[in-house]
């Protein structure tokens, strides 16, 4: 998996609070919610790259997935 890009994003505090609440309602982190919304907007605009990786599923990884990391 390619290294994920890091960006600094400045938001109005009220917008951040609304995003954080929405993310919590959907069991996502605020960061994951922002990525979800950006991907949805890109897809609706026909601009989501075909080679864009899939989003990680919501919630914590299964123990078997965590234990399998680093093997091989």
PDB file of N, CA and C in Angstrom:
ATOM      1  N   UNK A   1       0.845  -1.178   0.000  1.00  0.00           N
ATOM      2  CA  UNK A   1       0.000   0.000   0.000  1.00  0.00           C
ATOM      3  C   UNK A   1       0.889   1.239   0.000  1.00  0.00           C
ATOM      4  N   UNK A   2       0.544   2.189  -0.818  1.00  0.00           N
ATOM      5  CA  UNK A   2       1.322   3.421  -0.901  1.00  0.00           C
ATOM      6  C   UNK A   2       1.160   4.233   0.375  1.00  0.00           C
ATOM      7  N   UNK A   3       2.183   5.007   0.688  1.00  0.00           N
ATOM      8  CA  UNK A   3       2.114   5.862   1.874  1.00  0.00           C
ATOM      9  C   UNK A   3       1.025   6.900   1.664  1.00  0.00           C
ATOM     10  N   UNK A   4       0.264   7.152   2.693  1.00  0.00           N
ATOM     11  CA  UNK A   4      -0.830   8.114   2.604  1.00  0.00           C
ATOM     12  C   UNK A   4      -0.270   9.528   2.731  1.00  0.00           C
ATOM     13  N   UNK A   5      -0.835  10.445   1.976  1.00  0.00           N
ATOM     14  CA  UNK A   5      -0.414  11.846   2.006  1.00  0.00           C
ATOM     15  C   UNK A   5      -0.951  12.534   3.247  1.00  0.00           C
ATOM     16  N   UNK A   6      -0.164  13.437   3.782  1.00  0.00           N
ATOM     17  CA  UNK A   6      -0.573  14.228   4.935  1.00  0.00           C
ATOM     18  C   UNK A   6      -0.750  15.663   4.488  1.00  0.00           C
ATOM     19  N   UNK A   7      -1.840  16.295   4.935  1.00  0.00           N
ATOM     20  CA  UNK A   7      -2.071  17.700   4.604  1.00  0.00           C
ATOM     21  C   UNK A   7      -2.529  18.439   5.855  1.00  0.00           C
ATOM     22  N   UNK A   8      -2.297  19.720   5.869  1.00  0.00           N
ATOM     23  CA  UNK A   8      -2.809  20.579   6.920  1.00  0.00           C
ATOM     24  C   UNK A   8      -4.090  21.201   6.383  1.00  0.00           C
ATOM     25  N   UNK A   9      -5.156  21.097   7.146  1.00  0.00           N
ATOM     26  CA  UNK A   9      -6.443  21.638   6.711  1.00  0.00           C
ATOM     27  C   UNK A   9      -6.961  22.581   7.780  1.00  0.00           C
ATOM     28  N   UNK A  10      -7.179  23.808   7.403  1.00  0.00           N
ATOM     29  CA  UNK A  10      -7.715  24.794   8.338  1.00  0.00           C
ATOM     30  C   UNK A  10      -9.222  24.889   8.122  1.00  0.00           C
ATOM     31  N   UNK A  11      -9.970  24.718   9.201  1.00  0.00           N
ATOM     32  CA  UNK A  11     -11.425  24.758   9.128  1.00  0.00           C
ATOM     33  C   UNK A  11     -11.983  25.745  10.139  1.00  0.00           C
ATOM     34  N   UNK A  12     -13.116  26.305   9.802  1.00  0.00           N
ATOM     35  CA  UNK A  12     -13.874  27.091  10.760  1.00  0.00           C
ATOM     36  C   UNK A  12     -14.235  26.159  11.914  1.00  0.00           C
ATOM     37  N   UNK A  13     -14.100  26.600  13.153  1.00  0.00           N
ATOM     38  CA  UNK A  13     -14.399  25.718  14.288  1.00  0.00           C
ATOM     39  C   UNK A  13     -15.809  25.115  14.256  1.00  0.00           C
ATOM     40  N   UNK A  14     -16.789  25.870  13.797  1.00  0.00           N
ATOM     41  CA  UNK A  14     -18.155  25.349  13.723  1.00  0.00           C
ATOM     42  C   UNK A  14     -18.259  24.236  12.680  1.00  0.00           C
ATOM     43  N   UNK A  15     -17.541  24.394  11.570  1.00  0.00           N
ATOM     44  CA  UNK A  15     -17.527  23.362  10.528  1.00  0.00           C
ATOM     45  C   UNK A  15     -16.841  22.113  11.064  1.00  0.00           C
ATOM     46  N   UNK A  16     -15.733  22.299  11.760  1.00  0.00           N
ATOM     47  CA  UNK A  16     -15.032  21.153  12.346  1.00  0.00           C
ATOM     48  C   UNK A  16     -15.925  20.413  13.332  1.00  0.00           C
ATOM     49  N   UNK A  17     -16.617  21.155  14.187  1.00  0.00           N
ATOM     50  CA  UNK A  17     -17.491  20.532  15.178  1.00  0.00           C
ATOM     51  C   UNK A  17     -18.614  19.744  14.507  1.00  0.00           C
ATOM     52  N   UNK A  18     -19.187  20.309  13.448  1.00  0.00           N
ATOM     53  CA  UNK A  18     -20.251  19.608  12.722  1.00  0.00           C
ATOM     54  C   UNK A  18     -19.711  18.340  12.063  1.00  0.00           C
ATOM     55  N   UNK A  19     -18.520  18.421  11.475  1.00  0.00           N
ATOM     56  CA  UNK A  19     -17.896  17.240  10.867  1.00  0.00           C
ATOM     57  C   UNK A  19     -17.589  16.175  11.910  1.00  0.00           C
ATOM     58  N   UNK A  20     -17.068  16.593  13.051  1.00  0.00           N
ATOM     59  CA  UNK A  20     -16.733  15.649  14.116  1.00  0.00           C
ATOM     60  C   UNK A  20     -17.985  14.944  14.627  1.00  0.00           C
ATOM     61  N   UNK A  21     -19.082  15.664  14.770  1.00  0.00           N
ATOM     62  CA  UNK A  21     -20.328  15.051  15.232  1.00  0.00           C
ATOM     63  C   UNK A  21     -20.846  14.065  14.191  1.00  0.00           C
ATOM     64  N   UNK A  22     -20.814  14.459  12.922  1.00  0.00           N
ATOM     65  CA  UNK A  22     -21.264  13.588  11.838  1.00  0.00           C
ATOM     66  C   UNK A  22     -20.408  12.330  11.791  1.00  0.00           C
ATOM     67  N   UNK A  23     -19.109  12.498  11.924  1.00  0.00           N
ATOM     68  CA  UNK A  23     -18.192  11.358  11.924  1.00  0.00           C
ATOM     69  C   UNK A  23     -18.510  10.408  13.075  1.00  0.00           C
ATOM     70  N   UNK A  24     -18.726  10.951  14.261  1.00  0.00           N
ATOM     71  CA  UNK A  24     -19.042  10.115  15.419  1.00  0.00           C
ATOM     72  C   UNK A  24     -20.355   9.362  15.204  1.00  0.00           C
ATOM     73  N   UNK A  25     -21.329  10.018  14.605  1.00  0.00           N
ATOM     74  CA  UNK A  25     -22.611   9.371  14.322  1.00  0.00           C
ATOM     75  C   UNK A  25     -22.438   8.182  13.386  1.00  0.00           C
ATOM     76  N   UNK A  26     -21.443   8.240  12.499  1.00  0.00           N
ATOM     77  CA  UNK A  26     -21.205   7.176  11.523  1.00  0.00           C
ATOM     78  C   UNK A  26     -20.026   6.286  11.914  1.00  0.00           C
ATOM     79  N   UNK A  27     -19.573   6.422  13.157  1.00  0.00           N
ATOM     80  CA  UNK A  27     -18.474   5.603  13.692  1.00  0.00           C
ATOM     81  C   UNK A  27     -17.196   5.722  12.876  1.00  0.00           C
ATOM     82  N   UNK A  28     -16.888   6.955  12.470  1.00  0.00           N
ATOM     83  CA  UNK A  28     -15.653   7.246  11.746  1.00  0.00           C
ATOM     84  C   UNK A  28     -14.876   8.294  12.516  1.00  0.00           C
ATOM     85  N   UNK A  29     -13.587   8.376  12.248  1.00  0.00           N
ATOM     86  CA  UNK A  29     -12.814   9.500  12.759  1.00  0.00           C
ATOM     87  C   UNK A  29     -13.155  10.724  11.910  1.00  0.00           C
ATOM     88  N   UNK A  30     -12.831  11.881  12.415  1.00  0.00           N
ATOM     89  CA  UNK A  30     -13.075  13.096  11.640  1.00  0.00           C
ATOM     90  C   UNK A  30     -12.281  13.047  10.336  1.00  0.00           C
ATOM     91  N   UNK A  31     -11.036  12.567  10.411  1.00  0.00           N
ATOM     92  CA  UNK A  31     -10.206  12.457   9.216  1.00  0.00           C
ATOM     93  C   UNK A  31     -10.845  11.523   8.177  1.00  0.00           C
ATOM     94  N   UNK A  32     -11.334  10.378   8.627  1.00  0.00           N
ATOM     95  CA  UNK A  32     -11.964   9.422   7.714  1.00  0.00           C
ATOM     96  C   UNK A  32     -13.243  10.006   7.116  1.00  0.00           C
ATOM     97  N   UNK A  33     -13.976  10.788   7.900  1.00  0.00           N
ATOM     98  CA  UNK A  33     -15.200  11.410   7.390  1.00  0.00           C
ATOM     99  C   UNK A  33     -14.873  12.412   6.289  1.00  0.00           C
ATOM    100  N   UNK A  34     -13.825  13.201   6.499  1.00  0.00           N
ATOM    101  CA  UNK A  34     -13.415  14.163   5.472  1.00  0.00           C
ATOM    102  C   UNK A  34     -13.020  13.423   4.195  1.00  0.00           C
ATOM    103  N   UNK A  35     -12.232  12.344   4.329  1.00  0.00           N
ATOM    104  CA  UNK A  35     -11.841  11.577   3.145  1.00  0.00           C
ATOM    105  C   UNK A  35     -13.061  10.972   2.460  1.00  0.00           C
ATOM    106  N   UNK A  36     -14.001  10.434   3.232  1.00  0.00           N
ATOM    107  CA  UNK A  36     -15.223   9.861   2.680  1.00  0.00           C
ATOM    108  C   UNK A  36     -15.979  10.906   1.853  1.00  0.00           C
ATOM    109  N   UNK A  37     -16.139  12.087   2.423  1.00  0.00           N
ATOM    110  CA  UNK A  37     -16.871  13.145   1.720  1.00  0.00           C
ATOM    111  C   UNK A  37     -16.139  13.622   0.473  1.00  0.00           C
ATOM    112  N   UNK A  38     -14.817  13.741   0.559  1.00  0.00           N
ATOM    113  CA  UNK A  38     -14.046  14.150  -0.617  1.00  0.00           C
ATOM    114  C   UNK A  38     -14.150  13.108  -1.729  1.00  0.00           C
ATOM    115  N   UNK A  39     -14.047  11.829  -1.374  1.00  0.00           N
ATOM    116  CA  UNK A  39     -14.167  10.765  -2.381  1.00  0.00           C
ATOM    117  C   UNK A  39     -15.549  10.766  -3.024  1.00  0.00           C
ATOM    118  N   UNK A  40     -16.583  10.961  -2.190  1.00  0.00           N
ATOM    119  CA  UNK A  40     -17.944  10.981  -2.730  1.00  0.00           C
ATOM    120  C   UNK A  40     -18.117  12.158  -3.691  1.00  0.00           C
ATOM    121  N   UNK A  41     -17.600  13.320  -3.321  1.00  0.00           N
ATOM    122  CA  UNK A  41     -17.693  14.495  -4.194  1.00  0.00           C
ATOM    123  C   UNK A  41     -16.924  14.260  -5.499  1.00  0.00           C
ATOM    124  N   UNK A  42     -15.733  13.668  -5.414  1.00  0.00           N
ATOM    125  CA  UNK A  42     -14.958  13.366  -6.622  1.00  0.00           C
ATOM    126  C   UNK A  42     -15.696  12.383  -7.518  1.00  0.00           C
ATOM    127  N   UNK A  43     -16.285  11.347  -6.924  1.00  0.00           N
ATOM    128  CA  UNK A  43     -17.015  10.349  -7.704  1.00  0.00           C
ATOM    129  C   UNK A  43     -18.229  10.974  -8.390  1.00  0.00           C
ATOM    130  N   UNK A  44     -18.977  11.798  -7.665  1.00  0.00           N
ATOM    131  CA  UNK A  44     -20.158  12.447  -8.247  1.00  0.00           C
ATOM    132  C   UNK A  44     -19.790  13.392  -9.379  1.00  0.00           C
ATOM    133  N   UNK A  45     -18.600  13.983  -9.306  1.00  0.00           N
ATOM    134  CA  UNK A  45     -18.139  14.897 -10.348  1.00  0.00           C
ATOM    135  C   UNK A  45     -17.427  14.153 -11.481  1.00  0.00           C
ATOM    136  N   UNK A  46     -17.320  12.826 -11.358  1.00  0.00           N
ATOM    137  CA  UNK A  46     -16.622  12.049 -12.374  1.00  0.00           C
ATOM    138  C   UNK A  46     -15.122  12.271 -12.359  1.00  0.00           C
ATOM    139  N   UNK A  47     -14.567  12.629 -11.205  1.00  0.00           N
ATOM    140  CA  UNK A  47     -13.152  12.960 -11.102  1.00  0.00           C
ATOM    141  C   UNK A  47     -12.367  12.040 -10.183  1.00  0.00           C
ATOM    142  N   UNK A  48     -13.001  10.993  -9.650  1.00  0.00           N
ATOM    143  CA  UNK A  48     -12.282  10.065  -8.779  1.00  0.00           C
ATOM    144  C   UNK A  48     -11.369   9.214  -9.651  1.00  0.00           C
ATOM    145  N   UNK A  49     -10.064   9.247  -9.410  1.00  0.00           N
ATOM    146  CA  UNK A  49      -9.138   8.471 -10.246  1.00  0.00           C
ATOM    147  C   UNK A  49      -9.423   6.973 -10.143  1.00  0.00           C
ATOM    148  N   UNK A  50      -9.291   6.276 -11.264  1.00  0.00           N
ATOM    149  CA  UNK A  50      -9.530   4.826 -11.290  1.00  0.00           C
ATOM    150  C   UNK A  50      -8.556   4.086 -10.380  1.00  0.00           C
ATOM    151  N   UNK A  51      -7.353   4.628 -10.236  1.00  0.00           N
ATOM    152  CA  UNK A  51      -6.345   3.938  -9.434  1.00  0.00           C
ATOM    153  C   UNK A  51      -6.351   4.356  -7.967  1.00  0.00           C
ATOM    154  N   UNK A  52      -7.392   5.097  -7.536  1.00  0.00           N
ATOM    155  CA  UNK A  52      -7.486   5.482  -6.124  1.00  0.00           C
ATOM    156  C   UNK A  52      -7.737   4.223  -5.301  1.00  0.00           C
ATOM    157  N   UNK A  53      -6.958   4.044  -4.256  1.00  0.00           N
ATOM    158  CA  UNK A  53      -7.136   2.897  -3.381  1.00  0.00           C
ATOM    159  C   UNK A  53      -8.481   2.962  -2.675  1.00  0.00           C
ATOM    160  N   UNK A  54      -8.892   1.824  -2.155  1.00  0.00           N
ATOM    161  CA  UNK A  54     -10.147   1.771  -1.412  1.00  0.00           C
ATOM    162  C   UNK A  54      -9.958   2.380  -0.032  1.00  0.00           C
ATOM    163  N   UNK A  55     -11.044   2.899   0.510  1.00  0.00           N
ATOM    164  CA  UNK A  55     -11.002   3.406   1.882  1.00  0.00           C
ATOM    165  C   UNK A  55     -10.955   2.231   2.842  1.00  0.00           C
ATOM    166  N   UNK A  56     -10.315   2.453   3.955  1.00  0.00           N
ATOM    167  CA  UNK A  56     -10.321   1.434   4.999  1.00  0.00           C
ATOM    168  C   UNK A  56     -11.738   1.320   5.544  1.00  0.00           C
ATOM    169  N   UNK A  57     -12.150   0.119   5.932  1.00  0.00           N
ATOM    170  CA  UNK A  57     -13.500  -0.011   6.501  1.00  0.00           C
ATOM    171  C   UNK A  57     -13.608   0.694   7.834  1.00  0.00           C
ATOM    172  N   UNK A  58     -14.841   1.005   8.228  1.00  0.00           N
ATOM    173  CA  UNK A  58     -15.074   1.671   9.507  1.00  0.00           C
ATOM    174  C   UNK A  58     -14.676   0.771  10.663  1.00  0.00           C
ATOM    175  N   UNK A  59     -14.325   1.380  11.770  1.00  0.00           N
ATOM    176  CA  UNK A  59     -14.025   0.642  12.981  1.00  0.00           C
ATOM    177  C   UNK A  59     -12.584   0.175  13.053  1.00  0.00           C
ATOM    178  N   UNK A  60     -12.313  -0.574  14.100  1.00  0.00           N
ATOM    179  CA  UNK A  60     -10.960  -1.087  14.311  1.00  0.00           C
ATOM    180  C   UNK A  60     -10.721  -2.299  13.436  1.00  0.00           C
ATOM    181  N   UNK A  61      -9.461  -2.518  13.038  1.00  0.00           N
ATOM    182  CA  UNK A  61      -9.176  -3.731  12.254  1.00  0.00           C
ATOM    183  C   UNK A  61      -9.370  -4.968  13.108  1.00  0.00           C
ATOM    184  N   UNK A  62      -9.731  -6.071  12.457  1.00  0.00           N
ATOM    185  CA  UNK A  62      -9.881  -7.341  13.171  1.00  0.00           C
ATOM    186  C   UNK A  62      -8.528  -7.768  13.704  1.00  0.00           C
ATOM    187  N   UNK A  63      -8.557  -8.518  14.808  1.00  0.00           N
ATOM    188  CA  UNK A  63      -7.306  -8.972  15.405  1.00  0.00           C
ATOM    189  C   UNK A  63      -6.483  -9.767  14.408  1.00  0.00           C
ATOM    190  N   UNK A  64      -7.133 -10.583  13.581  1.00  0.00           N
ATOM    191  CA  UNK A  64      -6.395 -11.391  12.612  1.00  0.00           C
ATOM    192  C   UNK A  64      -5.659 -10.515  11.603  1.00  0.00           C
ATOM    193  N   UNK A  65      -6.239  -9.359  11.250  1.00  0.00           N
ATOM    194  CA  UNK A  65      -5.581  -8.448  10.320  1.00  0.00           C
ATOM    195  C   UNK A  65      -4.389  -7.771  10.977  1.00  0.00           C
ATOM    196  N   UNK A  66      -4.526  -7.412  12.239  1.00  0.00           N
ATOM    197  CA  UNK A  66      -3.435  -6.745  12.960  1.00  0.00           C
ATOM    198  C   UNK A  66      -2.297  -7.728  13.190  1.00  0.00           C
ATOM    199  N   UNK A  67      -2.626  -8.960  13.601  1.00  0.00           N
ATOM    200  CA  UNK A  67      -1.598  -9.962  13.857  1.00  0.00           C
ATOM    201  C   UNK A  67      -0.864 -10.345  12.597  1.00  0.00           C
ATOM    202  N   UNK A  68      -1.550 -10.284  11.437  1.00  0.00           N
ATOM    203  CA  UNK A  68      -0.930 -10.678  10.178  1.00  0.00           C
ATOM    204  C   UNK A  68       0.000  -9.642   9.604  1.00  0.00           C
ATOM    205  N   UNK A  69      -0.058  -8.411  10.121  1.00  0.00           N
ATOM    206  CA  UNK A  69       0.828  -7.362   9.611  1.00  0.00           C
ATOM    207  C   UNK A  69       2.265  -7.654   9.957  1.00  0.00           C
ATOM    208  N   UNK A  70       3.138  -7.370   9.041  1.00  0.00           N
ATOM    209  CA  UNK A  70       4.549  -7.561   9.276  1.00  0.00           C
ATOM    210  C   UNK A  70       5.032  -8.953   8.899  1.00  0.00           C
ATOM    211  N   UNK A  71       4.099  -9.869   8.633  1.00  0.00           N
ATOM    212  CA  UNK A  71       4.492 -11.202   8.196  1.00  0.00           C
ATOM    213  C   UNK A  71       4.743 -11.181   6.697  1.00  0.00           C
ATOM    214  N   UNK A  72       5.881 -11.678   6.285  1.00  0.00           N
ATOM    215  CA  UNK A  72       6.156 -11.833   4.867  1.00  0.00           C
ATOM    216  C   UNK A  72       6.649 -10.610   4.261  1.00  0.00           C
TER     217      UNK A  72
END
